[in-house]
Amino acid sequence: MSTLGTEFKINVHMDPIDGYHMSDVDFHADFYVNARNSVRLKKTDMTMVDEDNYLAVVDTRKTGRGQLKFVLYAAIPDGDCENGIRNEISDETICEGCYVT
């Protein structure tokens, strides 16, 4: 457990999709405790660890108190889609050990 105001360093990972790594696509992650308080971090807001992992620093003053979770949104190139991009949305991920009191 951590106190409100703690900055969590969280590894954001995506397995390759259709041969594309995280480093190849645009993405963002929404970190939240509840629907009212969320923090959106874009790829450019994170630090690249390797082609499939990025480090996000989340300020809990913006998320509020409770269990921290996130959803990852990725824009995958796909010629079969009208605009050439297919949106992939991950399942909700619970950040283990990231509970704000």
PDB file of N, CA and C in Angstrom:
ATOM      1  N   MET A   1       0.840  -1.183   0.000  1.00  0.00           N
ATOM      2  CA  MET A   1       0.000   0.000   0.000  1.00  0.00           C
ATOM      3  C   MET A   1       0.882   1.243   0.000  1.00  0.00           C
ATOM      4  N   SER A   2       0.380   2.248  -0.649  1.00  0.00           N
ATOM      5  CA  SER A   2       1.107   3.508  -0.725  1.00  0.00           C
ATOM      6  C   SER A   2       0.148   4.662  -0.470  1.00  0.00           C
ATOM      7  N   THR A   3       0.705   5.760  -0.037  1.00  0.00           N
ATOM      8  CA  THR A   3      -0.081   6.938   0.286  1.00  0.00           C
ATOM      9  C   THR A   3      -0.388   7.736  -0.973  1.00  0.00           C
ATOM     10  N   LEU A   4      -1.532   8.406  -0.967  1.00  0.00           N
ATOM     11  CA  LEU A   4      -1.925   9.286  -2.056  1.00  0.00           C
ATOM     12  C   LEU A   4      -0.794  10.259  -2.336  1.00  0.00           C
ATOM     13  N   GLY A   5      -0.415  10.406  -3.604  1.00  0.00           N
ATOM     14  CA  GLY A   5       0.701  11.255  -3.992  1.00  0.00           C
ATOM     15  C   GLY A   5       1.932  10.479  -4.405  1.00  0.00           C
ATOM     16  N   THR A   6       1.923   9.170  -4.145  1.00  0.00           N
ATOM     17  CA  THR A   6       3.026   8.308  -4.575  1.00  0.00           C
ATOM     18  C   THR A   6       3.028   8.223  -6.101  1.00  0.00           C
ATOM     19  N   GLU A   7       4.210   8.206  -6.684  1.00  0.00           N
ATOM     20  CA  GLU A   7       4.323   7.982  -8.117  1.00  0.00           C
ATOM     21  C   GLU A   7       4.727   6.525  -8.339  1.00  0.00           C
ATOM     22  N   PHE A   8       3.842   5.772  -8.981  1.00  0.00           N
ATOM     23  CA  PHE A   8       4.121   4.375  -9.276  1.00  0.00           C
ATOM     24  C   PHE A   8       4.830   4.262 -10.615  1.00  0.00           C
ATOM     25  N   LYS A   9       5.854   3.432 -10.668  1.00  0.00           N
ATOM     26  CA  LYS A   9       6.511   3.093 -11.928  1.00  0.00           C
ATOM     27  C   LYS A   9       5.953   1.731 -12.336  1.00  0.00           C
ATOM     28  N   ILE A  10       5.277   1.702 -13.482  1.00  0.00           N
ATOM     29  CA  ILE A  10       4.561   0.504 -13.907  1.00  0.00           C
ATOM     30  C   ILE A  10       5.043   0.080 -15.290  1.00  0.00           C
ATOM     31  N   ASN A  11       5.386  -1.197 -15.427  1.00  0.00           N
ATOM     32  CA  ASN A  11       5.758  -1.726 -16.733  1.00  0.00           C
ATOM     33  C   ASN A  11       4.485  -2.021 -17.525  1.00  0.00           C
ATOM     34  N   VAL A  12       4.384  -1.420 -18.700  1.00  0.00           N
ATOM     35  CA  VAL A  12       3.256  -1.655 -19.601  1.00  0.00           C
ATOM     36  C   VAL A  12       3.765  -2.556 -20.716  1.00  0.00           C
ATOM     37  N   HIS A  13       3.120  -3.700 -20.898  1.00  0.00           N
ATOM     38  CA  HIS A  13       3.576  -4.706 -21.858  1.00  0.00           C
ATOM     39  C   HIS A  13       2.455  -5.076 -22.815  1.00  0.00           C
ATOM     40  N   MET A  14       2.841  -5.306 -24.070  1.00  0.00           N
ATOM     41  CA  MET A  14       1.905  -5.827 -25.066  1.00  0.00           C
ATOM     42  C   MET A  14       2.643  -6.875 -25.883  1.00  0.00           C
ATOM     43  N   ASP A  15       2.061  -8.072 -25.979  1.00  0.00           N
ATOM     44  CA  ASP A  15       2.617  -9.084 -26.870  1.00  0.00           C
ATOM     45  C   ASP A  15       2.447  -8.592 -28.303  1.00  0.00           C
ATOM     46  N   PRO A  16       3.350  -8.976 -29.203  1.00  0.00           N
ATOM     47  CA  PRO A  16       3.194  -8.556 -30.597  1.00  0.00           C
ATOM     48  C   PRO A  16       1.826  -8.967 -31.160  1.00  0.00           C
ATOM     49  N   ILE A  17       1.240  -8.074 -31.943  1.00  0.00           N
ATOM     50  CA  ILE A  17      -0.039  -8.331 -32.611  1.00  0.00           C
ATOM     51  C   ILE A  17       0.214  -8.236 -34.109  1.00  0.00           C
ATOM     52  N   ASP A  18      -0.093  -9.316 -34.823  1.00  0.00           N
ATOM     53  CA  ASP A  18       0.127  -9.366 -36.277  1.00  0.00           C
ATOM     54  C   ASP A  18       1.557  -8.973 -36.643  1.00  0.00           C
ATOM     55  N   GLY A  19       2.515  -9.311 -35.772  1.00  0.00           N
ATOM     56  CA  GLY A  19       3.916  -9.021 -36.037  1.00  0.00           C
ATOM     57  C   GLY A  19       4.366  -7.633 -35.626  1.00  0.00           C
ATOM     58  N   TYR A  20       3.449  -6.803 -35.126  1.00  0.00           N
ATOM     59  CA  TYR A  20       3.796  -5.444 -34.693  1.00  0.00           C
ATOM     60  C   TYR A  20       4.093  -5.435 -33.199  1.00  0.00           C
ATOM     61  N   HIS A  21       5.216  -4.829 -32.834  1.00  0.00           N
ATOM     62  CA  HIS A  21       5.597  -4.658 -31.436  1.00  0.00           C
ATOM     63  C   HIS A  21       5.072  -3.310 -30.951  1.00  0.00           C
ATOM     64  N   MET A  22       5.109  -3.094 -29.652  1.00  0.00           N
ATOM     65  CA  MET A  22       4.683  -1.804 -29.096  1.00  0.00           C
ATOM     66  C   MET A  22       5.456  -0.654 -29.730  1.00  0.00           C
ATOM     67  N   SER A  23       6.726  -0.879 -29.984  1.00  0.00           N
ATOM     68  CA  SER A  23       7.557   0.173 -30.553  1.00  0.00           C
ATOM     69  C   SER A  23       7.132   0.538 -31.978  1.00  0.00           C
ATOM     70  N   ASP A  24       6.346  -0.324 -32.634  1.00  0.00           N
ATOM     71  CA  ASP A  24       5.909  -0.096 -34.014  1.00  0.00           C
ATOM     72  C   ASP A  24       4.585   0.650 -34.131  1.00  0.00           C
ATOM     73  N   VAL A  25       3.818   0.733 -33.055  1.00  0.00           N
ATOM     74  CA  VAL A  25       2.450   1.257 -33.139  1.00  0.00           C
ATOM     75  C   VAL A  25       2.226   2.411 -32.161  1.00  0.00           C
ATOM     76  N   ASP A  26       1.184   3.182 -32.436  1.00  0.00           N
ATOM     77  CA  ASP A  26       0.754   4.197 -31.472  1.00  0.00           C
ATOM     78  C   ASP A  26      -0.104   3.519 -30.416  1.00  0.00           C
ATOM     79  N   PHE A  27       0.035   3.966 -29.173  1.00  0.00           N
ATOM     80  CA  PHE A  27      -0.790   3.419 -28.095  1.00  0.00           C
ATOM     81  C   PHE A  27      -0.879   4.426 -26.958  1.00  0.00           C
ATOM     82  N   HIS A  28      -1.833   4.195 -26.096  1.00  0.00           N
ATOM     83  CA  HIS A  28      -1.924   4.936 -24.838  1.00  0.00           C
ATOM     84  C   HIS A  28      -2.546   4.010 -23.796  1.00  0.00           C
ATOM     85  N   ALA A  29      -2.366   4.372 -22.536  1.00  0.00           N
ATOM     86  CA  ALA A  29      -2.935   3.596 -21.437  1.00  0.00           C
ATOM     87  C   ALA A  29      -3.689   4.540 -20.516  1.00  0.00           C
ATOM     88  N   ASP A  30      -4.859   4.111 -20.085  1.00  0.00           N
ATOM     89  CA  ASP A  30      -5.642   4.850 -19.096  1.00  0.00           C
ATOM     90  C   ASP A  30      -5.483   4.145 -17.759  1.00  0.00           C
ATOM     91  N   PHE A  31      -4.918   4.851 -16.774  1.00  0.00           N
ATOM     92  CA  PHE A  31      -4.729   4.345 -15.419  1.00  0.00           C
ATOM     93  C   PHE A  31      -5.817   4.941 -14.546  1.00  0.00           C
ATOM     94  N   TYR A  32      -6.418   4.136 -13.668  1.00  0.00           N
ATOM     95  CA  TYR A  32      -7.547   4.637 -12.881  1.00  0.00           C
ATOM     96  C   TYR A  32      -7.788   3.774 -11.642  1.00  0.00           C
ATOM     97  N   VAL A  33      -8.501   4.383 -10.718  1.00  0.00           N
ATOM     98  CA  VAL A  33      -9.033   3.674  -9.564  1.00  0.00           C
ATOM     99  C   VAL A  33     -10.541   3.514  -9.754  1.00  0.00           C
ATOM    100  N   ASN A  34     -11.150   4.566 -10.296  1.00  0.00           N
ATOM    101  CA  ASN A  34     -12.573   4.533 -10.631  1.00  0.00           C
ATOM    102  C   ASN A  34     -12.786   5.365 -11.890  1.00  0.00           C
ATOM    103  N   ALA A  35     -13.995   5.366 -12.405  1.00  0.00           N
ATOM    104  CA  ALA A  35     -14.278   6.031 -13.685  1.00  0.00           C
ATOM    105  C   ALA A  35     -14.090   7.548 -13.631  1.00  0.00           C
ATOM    106  N   ARG A  36     -14.219   8.151 -12.461  1.00  0.00           N
ATOM    107  CA  ARG A  36     -14.104   9.614 -12.349  1.00  0.00           C
ATOM    108  C   ARG A  36     -12.665  10.106 -12.381  1.00  0.00           C
ATOM    109  N   ASN A  37     -11.742   9.306 -11.899  1.00  0.00           N
ATOM    110  CA  ASN A  37     -10.348   9.730 -11.772  1.00  0.00           C
ATOM    111  C   ASN A  37      -9.454   8.833 -12.615  1.00  0.00           C
ATOM    112  N   SER A  38      -8.963   9.371 -13.724  1.00  0.00           N
ATOM    113  CA  SER A  38      -8.067   8.575 -14.552  1.00  0.00           C
ATOM    114  C   SER A  38      -6.929   9.443 -15.073  1.00  0.00           C
ATOM    115  N   VAL A  39      -5.857   8.772 -15.436  1.00  0.00           N
ATOM    116  CA  VAL A  39      -4.681   9.422 -16.004  1.00  0.00           C
ATOM    117  C   VAL A  39      -4.395   8.726 -17.329  1.00  0.00           C
ATOM    118  N   ARG A  40      -4.376   9.484 -18.423  1.00  0.00           N
ATOM    119  CA  ARG A  40      -4.039   8.927 -19.730  1.00  0.00           C
ATOM    120  C   ARG A  40      -2.584   9.251 -20.036  1.00  0.00           C
ATOM    121  N   LEU A  41      -1.805   8.201 -20.310  1.00  0.00           N
ATOM    122  CA  LEU A  41      -0.413   8.366 -20.710  1.00  0.00           C
ATOM    123  C   LEU A  41      -0.244   7.819 -22.122  1.00  0.00           C
ATOM    124  N   LYS A  42       0.263   8.664 -23.011  1.00  0.00           N
ATOM    125  CA  LYS A  42       0.537   8.257 -24.384  1.00  0.00           C
ATOM    126  C   LYS A  42       1.912   7.594 -24.450  1.00  0.00           C
ATOM    127  N   LYS A  43       2.154   6.952 -25.551  1.00  0.00           N
ATOM    128  CA  LYS A  43       3.452   6.310 -25.788  1.00  0.00           C
ATOM    129  C   LYS A  43       4.592   7.290 -25.539  1.00  0.00           C
ATOM    130  N   THR A  44       4.423   8.531 -25.997  1.00  0.00           N
ATOM    131  CA  THR A  44       5.482   9.538 -25.846  1.00  0.00           C
ATOM    132  C   THR A  44       5.673   9.981 -24.404  1.00  0.00           C
ATOM    133  N   ASP A  45       4.713   9.671 -23.521  1.00  0.00           N
ATOM    134  CA  ASP A  45       4.828  10.006 -22.096  1.00  0.00           C
ATOM    135  C   ASP A  45       5.576   8.925 -21.319  1.00  0.00           C
ATOM    136  N   MET A  46       5.821   7.783 -21.960  1.00  0.00           N
ATOM    137  CA  MET A  46       6.447   6.645 -21.299  1.00  0.00           C
ATOM    138  C   MET A  46       7.890   6.472 -21.795  1.00  0.00           C
ATOM    139  N   THR A  47       8.650   5.701 -21.045  1.00  0.00           N
ATOM    140  CA  THR A  47      10.029   5.401 -21.407  1.00  0.00           C
ATOM    141  C   THR A  47      10.104   3.991 -21.977  1.00  0.00           C
ATOM    142  N   MET A  48      10.692   3.863 -23.159  1.00  0.00           N
ATOM    143  CA  MET A  48      10.826   2.548 -23.789  1.00  0.00           C
ATOM    144  C   MET A  48      11.874   1.721 -23.049  1.00  0.00           C
ATOM    145  N   VAL A  49      11.477   0.508 -22.637  1.00  0.00           N
ATOM    146  CA  VAL A  49      12.393  -0.441 -22.003  1.00  0.00           C
ATOM    147  C   VAL A  49      12.978  -1.341 -23.088  1.00  0.00           C
ATOM    148  N   ASP A  50      12.093  -1.909 -23.899  1.00  0.00           N
ATOM    149  CA  ASP A  50      12.472  -2.664 -25.097  1.00  0.00           C
ATOM    150  C   ASP A  50      11.276  -2.607 -26.046  1.00  0.00           C
ATOM    151  N   GLU A  51      11.306  -3.330 -27.148  1.00  0.00           N
ATOM    152  CA  GLU A  51      10.269  -3.149 -28.161  1.00  0.00           C
ATOM    153  C   GLU A  51       8.871  -3.554 -27.716  1.00  0.00           C
ATOM    154  N   ASP A  52       8.747  -4.308 -26.626  1.00  0.00           N
ATOM    155  CA  ASP A  52       7.437  -4.742 -26.138  1.00  0.00           C
ATOM    156  C   ASP A  52       7.107  -4.280 -24.725  1.00  0.00           C
ATOM    157  N   ASN A  53       7.931  -3.404 -24.146  1.00  0.00           N
ATOM    158  CA  ASN A  53       7.720  -2.933 -22.780  1.00  0.00           C
ATOM    159  C   ASN A  53       8.036  -1.450 -22.673  1.00  0.00           C
ATOM    160  N   TYR A  54       7.153  -0.727 -21.996  1.00  0.00           N
ATOM    161  CA  TYR A  54       7.346   0.692 -21.737  1.00  0.00           C
ATOM    162  C   TYR A  54       7.110   0.947 -20.258  1.00  0.00           C
ATOM    163  N   LEU A  55       7.834   1.907 -19.698  1.00  0.00           N
ATOM    164  CA  LEU A  55       7.705   2.267 -18.297  1.00  0.00           C
ATOM    165  C   LEU A  55       6.838   3.509 -18.169  1.00  0.00           C
ATOM    166  N   ALA A  56       5.765   3.386 -17.405  1.00  0.00           N
ATOM    167  CA  ALA A  56       4.859   4.500 -17.152  1.00  0.00           C
ATOM    168  C   ALA A  56       5.037   4.955 -15.708  1.00  0.00           C
ATOM    169  N   VAL A  57       5.046   6.266 -15.493  1.00  0.00           N
ATOM    170  CA  VAL A  57       5.094   6.826 -14.142  1.00  0.00           C
ATOM    171  C   VAL A  57       3.749   7.490 -13.900  1.00  0.00           C
ATOM    172  N   VAL A  58       3.001   6.951 -12.926  1.00  0.00           N
ATOM    173  CA  VAL A  58       1.635   7.387 -12.668  1.00  0.00           C
ATOM    174  C   VAL A  58       1.574   8.118 -11.329  1.00  0.00           C
ATOM    175  N   ASP A  59       1.098   9.362 -11.372  1.00  0.00           N
ATOM    176  CA  ASP A  59       0.946  10.192 -10.180  1.00  0.00           C
ATOM    177  C   ASP A  59      -0.406   9.889  -9.537  1.00  0.00           C
ATOM    178  N   THR A  60      -0.390   9.298  -8.348  1.00  0.00           N
ATOM    179  CA  THR A  60      -1.642   8.886  -7.706  1.00  0.00           C
ATOM    180  C   THR A  60      -2.462  10.052  -7.163  1.00  0.00           C
ATOM    181  N   ARG A  61      -1.906  11.265  -7.145  1.00  0.00           N
ATOM    182  CA  ARG A  61      -2.739  12.418  -6.772  1.00  0.00           C
ATOM    183  C   ARG A  61      -3.861  12.607  -7.783  1.00  0.00           C
ATOM    184  N   LYS A  62      -3.663  12.093  -9.002  1.00  0.00           N
ATOM    185  CA  LYS A  62      -4.665  12.235 -10.062  1.00  0.00           C
ATOM    186  C   LYS A  62      -5.609  11.044 -10.155  1.00  0.00           C
ATOM    187  N   THR A  63      -5.235   9.904  -9.558  1.00  0.00           N
ATOM    188  CA  THR A  63      -6.084   8.711  -9.654  1.00  0.00           C
ATOM    189  C   THR A  63      -6.991   8.535  -8.449  1.00  0.00           C
ATOM    190  N   GLY A  64      -6.609   9.093  -7.316  1.00  0.00           N
ATOM    191  CA  GLY A  64      -7.382   8.889  -6.098  1.00  0.00           C
ATOM    192  C   GLY A  64      -6.978   7.620  -5.373  1.00  0.00           C
ATOM    193  N   ARG A  65      -7.787   7.271  -4.376  1.00  0.00           N
ATOM    194  CA  ARG A  65      -7.473   6.130  -3.505  1.00  0.00           C
ATOM    195  C   ARG A  65      -8.161   4.857  -3.980  1.00  0.00           C
ATOM    196  N   GLY A  66      -7.439   3.735  -3.840  1.00  0.00           N
ATOM    197  CA  GLY A  66      -7.991   2.435  -4.195  1.00  0.00           C
ATOM    198  C   GLY A  66      -6.998   1.619  -5.002  1.00  0.00           C
ATOM    199  N   GLN A  67      -7.483   0.521  -5.588  1.00  0.00           N
ATOM    200  CA  GLN A  67      -6.661  -0.382  -6.394  1.00  0.00           C
ATOM    201  C   GLN A  67      -6.444   0.218  -7.779  1.00  0.00           C
ATOM    202  N   LEU A  68      -5.192   0.414  -8.161  1.00  0.00           N
ATOM    203  CA  LEU A  68      -4.865   0.996  -9.464  1.00  0.00           C
ATOM    204  C   LEU A  68      -4.979  -0.062 -10.558  1.00  0.00           C
ATOM    205  N   LYS A  69      -5.619   0.317 -11.676  1.00  0.00           N
ATOM    206  CA  LYS A  69      -5.814  -0.563 -12.817  1.00  0.00           C
ATOM    207  C   LYS A  69      -5.506   0.230 -14.082  1.00  0.00           C
ATOM    208  N   PHE A  70      -5.357  -0.476 -15.206  1.00  0.00           N
ATOM    209  CA  PHE A  70      -5.227   0.233 -16.474  1.00  0.00           C
ATOM    210  C   PHE A  70      -5.753  -0.593 -17.635  1.00  0.00           C
ATOM    211  N   VAL A  71      -6.079   0.134 -18.718  1.00  0.00           N
ATOM    212  CA  VAL A  71      -6.477  -0.470 -19.985  1.00  0.00           C
ATOM    213  C   VAL A  71      -5.554   0.116 -21.047  1.00  0.00           C
ATOM    214  N   LEU A  72      -5.064  -0.742 -21.939  1.00  0.00           N
ATOM    215  CA  LEU A  72      -4.151  -0.339 -23.006  1.00  0.00           C
ATOM    216  C   LEU A  72      -4.914  -0.289 -24.329  1.00  0.00           C
ATOM    217  N   TYR A  73      -4.732   0.793 -25.070  1.00  0.00           N
ATOM    218  CA  TYR A  73      -5.364   0.994 -26.377  1.00  0.00           C
ATOM    219  C   TYR A  73      -4.249   1.099 -27.416  1.00  0.00           C
ATOM    220  N   ALA A  74      -4.279   0.238 -28.448  1.00  0.00           N
ATOM    221  CA  ALA A  74      -3.237   0.244 -29.477  1.00  0.00           C
ATOM    222  C   ALA A  74      -3.873   0.385 -30.860  1.00  0.00           C
ATOM    223  N   ALA A  75      -3.205   1.140 -31.726  1.00  0.00           N
ATOM    224  CA  ALA A  75      -3.644   1.347 -33.104  1.00  0.00           C
ATOM    225  C   ALA A  75      -2.764   0.492 -34.014  1.00  0.00           C
ATOM    226  N   ILE A  76      -3.305  -0.619 -34.497  1.00  0.00           N
ATOM    227  CA  ILE A  76      -2.554  -1.594 -35.284  1.00  0.00           C
ATOM    228  C   ILE A  76      -2.800  -1.355 -36.773  1.00  0.00           C
ATOM    229  N   PRO A  77      -1.749  -1.182 -37.576  1.00  0.00           N
ATOM    230  CA  PRO A  77      -1.950  -1.030 -39.024  1.00  0.00           C
ATOM    231  C   PRO A  77      -2.668  -2.261 -39.599  1.00  0.00           C
ATOM    232  N   ASP A  78      -3.702  -2.012 -40.413  1.00  0.00           N
ATOM    233  CA  ASP A  78      -4.483  -3.108 -40.993  1.00  0.00           C
ATOM    234  C   ASP A  78      -5.140  -2.624 -42.280  1.00  0.00           C
ATOM    235  N   GLY A  79      -4.666  -3.112 -43.401  1.00  0.00           N
ATOM    236  CA  GLY A  79      -5.183  -2.710 -44.706  1.00  0.00           C
ATOM    237  C   GLY A  79      -6.633  -3.091 -44.936  1.00  0.00           C
ATOM    238  N   ASP A  80      -7.169  -4.016 -44.146  1.00  0.00           N
ATOM    239  CA  ASP A  80      -8.566  -4.423 -44.305  1.00  0.00           C
ATOM    240  C   ASP A  80      -9.535  -3.447 -43.647  1.00  0.00           C
ATOM    241  N   CYS A  81      -9.032  -2.552 -42.825  1.00  0.00           N
ATOM    242  CA  CYS A  81      -9.896  -1.578 -42.150  1.00  0.00           C
ATOM    243  C   CYS A  81     -10.003  -0.312 -42.998  1.00  0.00           C
ATOM    244  N   GLU A  82     -11.138   0.346 -42.888  1.00  0.00           N
ATOM    245  CA  GLU A  82     -11.431   1.511 -43.719  1.00  0.00           C
ATOM    246  C   GLU A  82     -10.356   2.589 -43.649  1.00  0.00           C
ATOM    247  N   ASN A  83      -9.898   2.902 -42.453  1.00  0.00           N
ATOM    248  CA  ASN A  83      -8.882   3.953 -42.306  1.00  0.00           C
ATOM    249  C   ASN A  83      -7.452   3.401 -42.230  1.00  0.00           C
ATOM    250  N   GLY A  84      -7.305   2.084 -42.421  1.00  0.00           N
ATOM    251  CA  GLY A  84      -5.988   1.469 -42.387  1.00  0.00           C
ATOM    252  C   GLY A  84      -5.478   1.162 -40.994  1.00  0.00           C
ATOM    253  N   ILE A  85      -6.303   1.410 -39.986  1.00  0.00           N
ATOM    254  CA  ILE A  85      -5.920   1.173 -38.582  1.00  0.00           C
ATOM    255  C   ILE A  85      -7.012   0.355 -37.896  1.00  0.00           C
ATOM    256  N   ARG A  86      -6.585  -0.647 -37.148  1.00  0.00           N
ATOM    257  CA  ARG A  86      -7.509  -1.435 -36.327  1.00  0.00           C
ATOM    258  C   ARG A  86      -7.207  -1.133 -34.866  1.00  0.00           C
ATOM    259  N   ASN A  87      -8.216  -0.755 -34.120  1.00  0.00           N
ATOM    260  CA  ASN A  87      -8.029  -0.460 -32.700  1.00  0.00           C
ATOM    261  C   ASN A  87      -8.136  -1.737 -31.887  1.00  0.00           C
ATOM    262  N   GLU A  88      -7.131  -1.973 -31.071  1.00  0.00           N
ATOM    263  CA  GLU A  88      -7.112  -3.108 -30.150  1.00  0.00           C
ATOM    264  C   GLU A  88      -7.181  -2.548 -28.733  1.00  0.00           C
ATOM    265  N   ILE A  89      -8.059  -3.106 -27.915  1.00  0.00           N
ATOM    266  CA  ILE A  89      -8.218  -2.663 -26.534  1.00  0.00           C
ATOM    267  C   ILE A  89      -7.997  -3.868 -25.631  1.00  0.00           C
ATOM    268  N   SER A  90      -7.093  -3.712 -24.668  1.00  0.00           N
ATOM    269  CA  SER A  90      -6.778  -4.828 -23.766  1.00  0.00           C
ATOM    270  C   SER A  90      -7.864  -4.997 -22.714  1.00  0.00           C
ATOM    271  N   ASP A  91      -7.835  -6.144 -22.062  1.00  0.00           N
ATOM    272  CA  ASP A  91      -8.646  -6.344 -20.872  1.00  0.00           C
ATOM    273  C   ASP A  91      -8.093  -5.450 -19.770  1.00  0.00           C
ATOM    274  N   GLU A  92      -8.921  -5.170 -18.787  1.00  0.00           N
ATOM    275  CA  GLU A  92      -8.454  -4.394 -17.642  1.00  0.00           C
ATOM    276  C   GLU A  92      -7.332  -5.159 -16.936  1.00  0.00           C
ATOM    277  N   THR A  93      -6.260  -4.448 -16.610  1.00  0.00           N
ATOM    278  CA  THR A  93      -5.131  -5.034 -15.895  1.00  0.00           C
ATOM    279  C   THR A  93      -5.051  -4.425 -14.506  1.00  0.00           C
ATOM    280  N   ILE A  94      -5.003  -5.255 -13.489  1.00  0.00           N
ATOM    281  CA  ILE A  94      -4.844  -4.781 -12.120  1.00  0.00           C
ATOM    282  C   ILE A  94      -3.351  -4.668 -11.848  1.00  0.00           C
ATOM    283  N   CYS A  95      -2.920  -3.515 -11.390  1.00  0.00           N
ATOM    284  CA  CYS A  95      -1.506  -3.292 -11.064  1.00  0.00           C
ATOM    285  C   CYS A  95      -1.242  -3.892  -9.679  1.00  0.00           C
ATOM    286  N   GLU A  96      -0.674  -5.087  -9.665  1.00  0.00           N
ATOM    287  CA  GLU A  96      -0.414  -5.779  -8.398  1.00  0.00           C
ATOM    288  C   GLU A  96       0.486  -4.936  -7.501  1.00  0.00           C
ATOM    289  N   GLY A  97       0.118  -4.797  -6.254  1.00  0.00           N
ATOM    290  CA  GLY A  97       0.906  -4.048  -5.287  1.00  0.00           C
ATOM    291  C   GLY A  97       0.724  -2.536  -5.390  1.00  0.00           C
ATOM    292  N   CYS A  98      -0.193  -2.086  -6.240  1.00  0.00           N
ATOM    293  CA  CYS A  98      -0.426  -0.646  -6.432  1.00  0.00           C
ATOM    294  C   CYS A  98      -1.779  -0.275  -5.837  1.00  0.00           C
ATOM    295  N   TYR A  99      -1.828  -0.214  -4.530  1.00  0.00           N
ATOM    296  CA  TYR A  99      -3.055   0.174  -3.824  1.00  0.00           C
ATOM    297  C   TYR A  99      -2.760   1.469  -3.084  1.00  0.00           C
ATOM    298  N   VAL A 100      -3.601   2.475  -3.335  1.00  0.00           N
ATOM    299  CA  VAL A 100      -3.371   3.805  -2.759  1.00  0.00           C
ATOM    300  C   VAL A 100      -4.354   4.023  -1.598  1.00  0.00           C
ATOM    301  N   THR A 101      -3.808   4.426  -0.448  1.00  0.00           N
ATOM    302  CA  THR A 101      -4.647   4.685   0.720  1.00  0.00           C
ATOM    303  C   THR A 101      -4.714   6.163   1.018  1.00  0.00           C
TER     304      THR A 101
END
